[in-house]
Amino acid sequence: MEIRPGSVVRSLAGRDKGGFMVVVSAADGYVFLADGKERKLESPKKKSIKHVAPTKTVIDLRNLTDRGLRAAVRGFTDGAPDDAPVEISNP
């Protein structure tokens, strides 16, 4: 599965292992991730692409705020399966 900006991914390694984040951008084997809480959209975490697992969900990053991002990620961390579709609405 292709990892692109807006993809929801699960961290496979590091302090955030098991957590869900959204890909803000990707370049040269790395992705830049944000979750809206620990990592804001303005300062995403750089992580090797081999340390994340993609889900089937892609969200629209246009007009997305950290608050909206937290709501999107919460849908995954509240017990939803990795590939469960999550309704995302931008305020």
Protein backbone atom coordinates (compact mmCIF):
# COMPACT_ATOMS: atom_id res chain seq x y z
CA MET A 1 0.00 0.00 0.00
CA GLU A 2 1.29 3.43 -0.91
CA ILE A 3 2.10 5.92 1.83
CA ARG A 4 1.32 9.49 0.81
CA PRO A 5 0.41 12.75 2.54
CA GLY A 6 -2.83 12.27 4.44
CA SER A 7 -2.29 8.53 5.01
CA VAL A 8 -3.04 7.30 8.52
CA VAL A 9 -0.20 5.06 9.71
CA ARG A 10 0.65 3.04 12.81
CA SER A 11 4.09 3.45 14.36
CA LEU A 12 6.06 0.19 14.54
CA ALA A 13 9.11 1.45 16.44
CA GLY A 14 10.20 4.13 18.88
CA ARG A 15 8.56 5.81 21.84
CA ASP A 16 5.33 6.19 19.91
CA LYS A 17 5.15 2.48 18.98
CA GLY A 18 1.57 1.36 18.45
CA GLY A 19 0.24 4.89 18.07
CA PHE A 20 -1.54 6.26 15.02
CA MET A 21 -0.35 9.34 13.16
CA VAL A 22 -1.00 11.09 9.87
CA VAL A 23 1.63 11.56 7.17
CA VAL A 24 2.16 15.28 6.56
CA SER A 25 4.84 14.76 3.88
CA ALA A 26 7.26 12.14 2.59
CA ALA A 27 10.75 12.36 1.07
CA ASP A 28 13.85 10.17 0.59
CA GLY A 29 12.69 7.16 2.60
CA TYR A 30 11.30 9.23 5.46
CA VAL A 31 7.84 10.41 6.43
CA PHE A 32 6.92 13.40 8.54
CA LEU A 33 4.14 12.53 10.99
CA ALA A 34 1.72 14.50 13.16
CA ASP A 35 -0.98 13.45 15.59
CA GLY A 36 -2.24 16.88 16.68
CA LYS A 37 -1.25 16.36 20.31
CA GLU A 38 2.37 15.32 20.86
CA ARG A 39 3.36 16.29 17.32
CA LYS A 40 1.62 19.30 15.85
CA LEU A 41 1.18 19.96 12.14
CA GLU A 42 3.77 22.76 12.37
CA SER A 43 6.48 20.45 13.79
CA PRO A 44 5.98 16.90 12.49
CA LYS A 45 8.14 13.96 13.57
CA LYS A 46 10.63 12.59 11.04
CA LYS A 47 10.49 8.78 10.92
CA SER A 48 11.88 6.13 8.60
CA ILE A 49 9.22 4.76 6.28
CA LYS A 50 10.14 1.22 7.33
CA HIS A 51 9.03 2.03 10.88
CA VAL A 52 5.39 2.73 9.98
CA ALA A 53 2.55 0.54 8.74
CA PRO A 54 -0.11 2.11 6.53
CA THR A 55 -3.84 1.75 7.10
CA LYS A 56 -6.42 2.01 4.35
CA THR A 57 -7.51 5.48 5.45
CA VAL A 58 -6.37 8.72 3.82
CA ILE A 59 -7.63 12.06 5.12
CA ASP A 60 -7.73 15.44 3.44
CA LEU A 61 -5.03 17.71 4.89
CA ARG A 62 -6.42 20.92 3.41
CA ASN A 63 -7.78 23.23 6.12
CA LEU A 64 -7.01 20.60 8.77
CA THR A 65 -6.18 21.89 12.24
CA ASP A 66 -4.46 20.11 15.11
CA ARG A 67 -7.87 19.74 16.75
CA GLY A 68 -9.32 18.04 13.67
CA LEU A 69 -6.24 15.85 13.43
CA ARG A 70 -6.65 14.72 17.06
CA ALA A 71 -10.26 13.77 16.32
CA ALA A 72 -9.21 11.76 13.27
CA VAL A 73 -6.49 9.87 15.15
CA ARG A 74 -8.78 9.30 18.14
CA GLY A 75 -11.02 7.20 15.91
CA PHE A 76 -8.18 4.73 15.55
CA THR A 77 -6.90 4.75 19.12
CA ASP A 78 -10.36 4.22 20.63
CA GLY A 79 -10.39 0.59 19.53
CA ALA A 80 -11.18 0.86 15.85
CA PRO A 81 -9.44 -1.71 13.65
CA ASP A 82 -6.40 -0.58 11.68
CA ASP A 83 -8.30 -0.42 8.43
CA ALA A 84 -11.68 0.79 9.68
CA PRO A 85 -12.96 3.80 7.77
CA VAL A 86 -13.24 6.95 9.85
CA GLU A 87 -15.44 9.88 8.92
CA ILE A 88 -13.29 13.01 8.78
CA SER A 89 -14.86 16.44 8.48
CA ASN A 90 -12.93 19.67 8.32
CA PRO A 91 -14.48 22.58 10.24
